[in-house]
Amino acid sequence: MYKQIYDKYYPSGTPLRDILERHSRSVADLALEINRRLKLGLDEQMVEEAAMLHDIGIFLTDAPGIHCHGTEPYLRHGILGADLLRAEGAPEWAARVAERHTGAGITQEDIAELNLLLPPDRVFMPETQLERLVCYADKFYSKSGDMQRKTLERVRASMARHSASTADRFEQLHREFGQTPA
């Protein structure tokens, strides 16, 4: 499914397509590895599709550093991607992963307190195990710079720069997915 959507919105051979594919593949590989290592039992095709589509809305944003020349603020890439996936007839679980992967989730309190350009009547917190898994794996890879896997310390520092509550939410994800099985 993701390949057809990529082909429709991200021309092959463009820098943005390359960035999206490389980032999403890294996230998918990590999410699949965690799913196997922790024996989560999530459907591997769903994990891969969700991870490959989580950032599908970036082309609609204004982020020239990663070759995105849209008009929307980058913060909205998740909701834009979710809306696009729904319009394309993608499964709702894929749309929800796109909608809920930003940061370590975004609460209604965050939206109100920070005046974020997100609708207050939609959920931006990962709820299902699949949503939480892709959200967690995504934190370890950037779409800029060397795109290599970040250390846990670097991810923690990045989450702490956003807010204490974001850092706490990331730690909850790390307790769920960062451990090796007993």
C-alpha atoms as a PDB file:
ATOM      1  CA  MET A   1       0.000   0.000   0.000  1.00  0.00           C
ATOM      2  CA  TYR A   2       2.667   2.539   0.974  1.00  0.00           C
ATOM      3  CA  LYS A   3       4.502   2.230  -2.362  1.00  0.00           C
ATOM      4  CA  GLN A   4       1.454   3.363  -4.347  1.00  0.00           C
ATOM      5  CA  ILE A   5       0.920   6.339  -2.041  1.00  0.00           C
ATOM      6  CA  TYR A   6       4.620   7.245  -2.205  1.00  0.00           C
ATOM      7  CA  ASP A   7       4.490   7.113  -6.012  1.00  0.00           C
ATOM      8  CA  LYS A   8       1.442   9.388  -6.105  1.00  0.00           C
ATOM      9  CA  TYR A   9       2.806  12.136  -3.837  1.00  0.00           C
ATOM     10  CA  TYR A  10       6.605  11.763  -3.847  1.00  0.00           C
ATOM     11  CA  PRO A  11       8.210  11.566  -7.309  1.00  0.00           C
ATOM     12  CA  SER A  12      10.871   8.896  -7.570  1.00  0.00           C
ATOM     13  CA  GLY A  13      14.443  10.137  -7.573  1.00  0.00           C
ATOM     14  CA  THR A  14      13.696  13.399  -5.750  1.00  0.00           C
ATOM     15  CA  PRO A  15      15.558  14.399  -2.580  1.00  0.00           C
ATOM     16  CA  LEU A  16      12.310  14.446  -0.587  1.00  0.00           C
ATOM     17  CA  ARG A  17      11.361  10.931  -1.693  1.00  0.00           C
ATOM     18  CA  ASP A  18      14.824   9.726  -0.749  1.00  0.00           C
ATOM     19  CA  ILE A  19      14.592  11.361   2.698  1.00  0.00           C
ATOM     20  CA  LEU A  20      11.116   9.965   3.337  1.00  0.00           C
ATOM     21  CA  GLU A  21      12.065   6.451   2.224  1.00  0.00           C
ATOM     22  CA  ARG A  22      15.326   6.358   4.166  1.00  0.00           C
ATOM     23  CA  HIS A  23      13.796   7.729   7.371  1.00  0.00           C
ATOM     24  CA  SER A  24      10.679   5.575   7.190  1.00  0.00           C
ATOM     25  CA  ARG A  25      12.662   2.422   6.390  1.00  0.00           C
ATOM     26  CA  SER A  26      14.873   3.035   9.446  1.00  0.00           C
ATOM     27  CA  VAL A  27      11.802   3.522  11.638  1.00  0.00           C
ATOM     28  CA  ALA A  28      10.134   0.417  10.164  1.00  0.00           C
ATOM     29  CA  ASP A  29      13.232  -1.725  10.688  1.00  0.00           C
ATOM     30  CA  LEU A  30      13.526  -0.643  14.328  1.00  0.00           C
ATOM     31  CA  ALA A  31       9.803  -1.151  14.982  1.00  0.00           C
ATOM     32  CA  LEU A  32       9.950  -4.623  13.405  1.00  0.00           C
ATOM     33  CA  GLU A  33      13.048  -5.508  15.434  1.00  0.00           C
ATOM     34  CA  ILE A  34      11.339  -4.426  18.689  1.00  0.00           C
ATOM     35  CA  ASN A  35       8.171  -6.324  17.748  1.00  0.00           C
ATOM     36  CA  ARG A  36      10.224  -9.495  17.267  1.00  0.00           C
ATOM     37  CA  ARG A  37      12.581  -9.024  20.221  1.00  0.00           C
ATOM     38  CA  LEU A  38       9.801  -8.334  22.712  1.00  0.00           C
ATOM     39  CA  LYS A  39       7.450 -10.861  21.088  1.00  0.00           C
ATOM     40  CA  LEU A  40       4.704  -8.247  20.899  1.00  0.00           C
ATOM     41  CA  GLY A  41       2.779 -10.299  18.375  1.00  0.00           C
ATOM     42  CA  LEU A  42       1.871  -7.344  16.164  1.00  0.00           C
ATOM     43  CA  ASP A  43       1.238  -8.159  12.508  1.00  0.00           C
ATOM     44  CA  GLU A  44       4.551  -7.447  10.762  1.00  0.00           C
ATOM     45  CA  GLN A  45       2.948  -6.134   7.593  1.00  0.00           C
ATOM     46  CA  MET A  46       0.889  -3.658   9.635  1.00  0.00           C
ATOM     47  CA  VAL A  47       3.995  -2.554  11.542  1.00  0.00           C
ATOM     48  CA  GLU A  48       5.890  -2.008   8.288  1.00  0.00           C
ATOM     49  CA  GLU A  49       3.033  -0.197   6.516  1.00  0.00           C
ATOM     50  CA  ALA A  50       2.341   2.042   9.523  1.00  0.00           C
ATOM     51  CA  ALA A  51       6.007   2.959   9.886  1.00  0.00           C
ATOM     52  CA  MET A  52       6.442   3.577   6.174  1.00  0.00           C
ATOM     53  CA  LEU A  53       3.388   5.884   6.113  1.00  0.00           C
ATOM     54  CA  HIS A  54       3.737   7.735   9.426  1.00  0.00           C
ATOM     55  CA  ASP A  55       5.342  10.812   7.805  1.00  0.00           C
ATOM     56  CA  ILE A  56       3.385  10.800   4.537  1.00  0.00           C
ATOM     57  CA  GLY A  57       2.131  14.353   5.154  1.00  0.00           C
ATOM     58  CA  ILE A  58       5.510  16.093   5.287  1.00  0.00           C
ATOM     59  CA  PHE A  59       5.380  17.322   1.667  1.00  0.00           C
ATOM     60  CA  LEU A  60       2.486  19.612   2.624  1.00  0.00           C
ATOM     61  CA  THR A  61       4.604  21.447   5.200  1.00  0.00           C
ATOM     62  CA  ASP A  62       7.060  24.300   5.035  1.00  0.00           C
ATOM     63  CA  ALA A  63      10.333  22.614   6.005  1.00  0.00           C
ATOM     64  CA  PRO A  64      12.853  23.539   3.289  1.00  0.00           C
ATOM     65  CA  GLY A  65      15.721  21.943   5.222  1.00  0.00           C
ATOM     66  CA  ILE A  66      14.256  18.559   4.264  1.00  0.00           C
ATOM     67  CA  HIS A  67      12.971  19.649   0.826  1.00  0.00           C
ATOM     68  CA  CYS A  68       9.360  20.225   1.955  1.00  0.00           C
ATOM     69  CA  HIS A  69       7.929  23.298   0.253  1.00  0.00           C
ATOM     70  CA  GLY A  70       4.296  23.240   1.327  1.00  0.00           C
ATOM     71  CA  THR A  71       2.484  25.938   3.256  1.00  0.00           C
ATOM     72  CA  GLU A  72       1.557  24.259   6.538  1.00  0.00           C
ATOM     73  CA  PRO A  73       3.606  24.327   9.750  1.00  0.00           C
ATOM     74  CA  TYR A  74       5.666  21.152  10.176  1.00  0.00           C
ATOM     75  CA  LEU A  75       3.872  20.367  13.443  1.00  0.00           C
ATOM     76  CA  ARG A  76       0.791  19.568  11.359  1.00  0.00           C
ATOM     77  CA  HIS A  77       2.440  16.871   9.221  1.00  0.00           C
ATOM     78  CA  GLY A  78       0.822  14.107  11.261  1.00  0.00           C
ATOM     79  CA  ILE A  79      -2.744  15.366  10.941  1.00  0.00           C
ATOM     80  CA  LEU A  80      -2.179  16.223   7.275  1.00  0.00           C
ATOM     81  CA  GLY A  81      -0.852  12.744   6.645  1.00  0.00           C
ATOM     82  CA  ALA A  82      -3.779  11.157   8.482  1.00  0.00           C
ATOM     83  CA  ASP A  83      -6.264  13.152   6.414  1.00  0.00           C
ATOM     84  CA  LEU A  84      -4.446  12.198   3.211  1.00  0.00           C
ATOM     85  CA  LEU A  85      -4.431   8.513   4.159  1.00  0.00           C
ATOM     86  CA  ARG A  86      -8.145   8.590   4.933  1.00  0.00           C
ATOM     87  CA  ALA A  87      -8.835  10.283   1.589  1.00  0.00           C
ATOM     88  CA  GLU A  88      -6.783   7.566  -0.149  1.00  0.00           C
ATOM     89  CA  GLY A  89      -8.830   4.831   1.530  1.00  0.00           C
ATOM     90  CA  ALA A  90      -5.978   3.570   3.690  1.00  0.00           C
ATOM     91  CA  PRO A  91      -6.886   1.605   6.820  1.00  0.00           C
ATOM     92  CA  GLU A  92      -7.827   3.714   9.821  1.00  0.00           C
ATOM     93  CA  TRP A  93      -4.989   2.201  11.872  1.00  0.00           C
ATOM     94  CA  ALA A  94      -2.465   3.662   9.405  1.00  0.00           C
ATOM     95  CA  ALA A  95      -4.094   7.099   9.557  1.00  0.00           C
ATOM     96  CA  ARG A  96      -4.074   7.020  13.351  1.00  0.00           C
ATOM     97  CA  VAL A  97      -0.370   6.175  13.477  1.00  0.00           C
ATOM     98  CA  ALA A  98       0.350   9.189  11.250  1.00  0.00           C
ATOM     99  CA  GLU A  99      -1.910  11.400  13.356  1.00  0.00           C
ATOM    100  CA  ARG A 100      -0.501  10.340  16.724  1.00  0.00           C
ATOM    101  CA  HIS A 101       3.255   9.844  16.267  1.00  0.00           C
ATOM    102  CA  THR A 102       4.441  13.454  16.665  1.00  0.00           C
ATOM    103  CA  GLY A 103       6.685  14.045  19.657  1.00  0.00           C
ATOM    104  CA  ALA A 104       5.796  11.494  22.301  1.00  0.00           C
ATOM    105  CA  GLY A 105       2.174  12.313  21.599  1.00  0.00           C
ATOM    106  CA  ILE A 106       0.498  15.685  22.019  1.00  0.00           C
ATOM    107  CA  THR A 107      -2.104  16.182  24.730  1.00  0.00           C
ATOM    108  CA  GLN A 108      -5.124  18.464  24.638  1.00  0.00           C
ATOM    109  CA  GLU A 109      -3.408  20.423  27.436  1.00  0.00           C
ATOM    110  CA  ASP A 110      -0.343  20.903  25.197  1.00  0.00           C
ATOM    111  CA  ILE A 111      -2.568  22.224  22.409  1.00  0.00           C
ATOM    112  CA  ALA A 112      -4.267  24.724  24.716  1.00  0.00           C
ATOM    113  CA  GLU A 113      -1.234  25.841  26.733  1.00  0.00           C
ATOM    114  CA  LEU A 114       1.102  26.207  23.770  1.00  0.00           C
ATOM    115  CA  ASN A 115      -1.509  27.468  21.294  1.00  0.00           C
ATOM    116  CA  LEU A 116      -0.588  24.703  18.883  1.00  0.00           C
ATOM    117  CA  LEU A 117      -2.184  24.791  15.456  1.00  0.00           C
ATOM    118  CA  LEU A 118      -3.997  21.516  15.981  1.00  0.00           C
ATOM    119  CA  PRO A 119      -7.720  20.951  16.429  1.00  0.00           C
ATOM    120  CA  PRO A 120      -8.561  20.459  20.108  1.00  0.00           C
ATOM    121  CA  ASP A 121     -11.237  17.876  19.313  1.00  0.00           C
ATOM    122  CA  ARG A 122      -8.903  15.229  17.840  1.00  0.00           C
ATOM    123  CA  VAL A 123      -6.656  12.740  19.614  1.00  0.00           C
ATOM    124  CA  PHE A 124      -2.901  13.150  19.123  1.00  0.00           C
ATOM    125  CA  MET A 125      -1.749  10.693  21.775  1.00  0.00           C
ATOM    126  CA  PRO A 126      -0.746   7.189  20.642  1.00  0.00           C
ATOM    127  CA  GLU A 127      -3.252   4.769  22.144  1.00  0.00           C
ATOM    128  CA  THR A 128      -2.758   1.350  20.578  1.00  0.00           C
ATOM    129  CA  GLN A 129       0.410  -0.693  20.880  1.00  0.00           C
ATOM    130  CA  LEU A 130       1.056  -0.181  17.143  1.00  0.00           C
ATOM    131  CA  GLU A 131       0.685   3.603  17.502  1.00  0.00           C
ATOM    132  CA  ARG A 132       3.007   3.667  20.522  1.00  0.00           C
ATOM    133  CA  LEU A 133       5.576   1.401  18.841  1.00  0.00           C
ATOM    134  CA  VAL A 134       5.923   3.549  15.705  1.00  0.00           C
ATOM    135  CA  CYS A 135       5.945   6.726  17.811  1.00  0.00           C
ATOM    136  CA  TYR A 136       8.797   5.290  19.899  1.00  0.00           C
ATOM    137  CA  ALA A 137      10.855   3.996  16.959  1.00  0.00           C
ATOM    138  CA  ASP A 138      10.463   7.319  15.142  1.00  0.00           C
ATOM    139  CA  LYS A 139      12.233   9.203  17.923  1.00  0.00           C
ATOM    140  CA  PHE A 140      15.521   7.470  17.074  1.00  0.00           C
ATOM    141  CA  TYR A 141      15.782   8.806  13.520  1.00  0.00           C
ATOM    142  CA  SER A 142      15.837  12.302  12.103  1.00  0.00           C
ATOM    143  CA  LYS A 143      14.997  13.317   8.551  1.00  0.00           C
ATOM    144  CA  SER A 144      17.976  15.683   8.461  1.00  0.00           C
ATOM    145  CA  GLY A 145      21.688  15.467   9.127  1.00  0.00           C
ATOM    146  CA  ASP A 146      23.353  12.077   8.881  1.00  0.00           C
ATOM    147  CA  MET A 147      20.051  10.245   9.550  1.00  0.00           C
ATOM    148  CA  GLN A 148      21.921   7.683  11.651  1.00  0.00           C
ATOM    149  CA  ARG A 149      20.290   6.116  14.688  1.00  0.00           C
ATOM    150  CA  LYS A 150      20.348   8.447  17.692  1.00  0.00           C
ATOM    151  CA  THR A 151      21.541   7.289  21.069  1.00  0.00           C
ATOM    152  CA  LEU A 152      19.001   6.981  23.864  1.00  0.00           C
ATOM    153  CA  GLU A 153      20.682   9.922  25.611  1.00  0.00           C
ATOM    154  CA  ARG A 154      20.265  12.095  22.517  1.00  0.00           C
ATOM    155  CA  VAL A 155      16.578  11.157  22.200  1.00  0.00           C
ATOM    156  CA  ARG A 156      16.007  11.905  25.878  1.00  0.00           C
ATOM    157  CA  ALA A 157      17.672  15.313  25.526  1.00  0.00           C
ATOM    158  CA  SER A 158      15.532  16.100  22.481  1.00  0.00           C
ATOM    159  CA  MET A 159      12.325  15.148  24.298  1.00  0.00           C
ATOM    160  CA  ALA A 160      13.331  17.178  27.364  1.00  0.00           C
ATOM    161  CA  ARG A 161      13.846  20.275  25.169  1.00  0.00           C
ATOM    162  CA  HIS A 162      10.142  20.142  24.283  1.00  0.00           C
ATOM    163  CA  SER A 163       8.806  19.860  27.828  1.00  0.00           C
ATOM    164  CA  ALA A 164       8.998  17.819  31.010  1.00  0.00           C
ATOM    165  CA  SER A 165       5.692  16.162  30.140  1.00  0.00           C
ATOM    166  CA  THR A 166       7.006  15.163  26.697  1.00  0.00           C
ATOM    167  CA  ALA A 167      10.102  13.685  28.335  1.00  0.00           C
ATOM    168  CA  ASP A 168       7.894  11.775  30.783  1.00  0.00           C
ATOM    169  CA  ARG A 169       5.749  10.422  27.951  1.00  0.00           C
ATOM    170  CA  PHE A 170       8.876   9.274  26.112  1.00  0.00           C
ATOM    171  CA  GLU A 171      10.080   7.486  29.260  1.00  0.00           C
ATOM    172  CA  GLN A 172       6.759   5.639  29.389  1.00  0.00           C
ATOM    173  CA  LEU A 173       7.316   4.526  25.789  1.00  0.00           C
ATOM    174  CA  HIS A 174      10.873   3.513  26.623  1.00  0.00           C
ATOM    175  CA  ARG A 175       9.712   1.388  29.557  1.00  0.00           C
ATOM    176  CA  GLU A 176       7.318  -0.370  27.168  1.00  0.00           C
ATOM    177  CA  PHE A 177       9.633  -0.867  24.189  1.00  0.00           C
ATOM    178  CA  GLY A 178      13.241  -0.210  25.190  1.00  0.00           C
ATOM    179  CA  GLN A 179      13.723  -3.231  27.388  1.00  0.00           C
ATOM    180  CA  THR A 180      14.842  -6.695  26.468  1.00  0.00           C
ATOM    181  CA  PRO A 181      12.479  -9.530  27.316  1.00  0.00           C
ATOM    182  CA  ALA A 182      12.905 -11.292  30.666  1.00  0.00           C
END
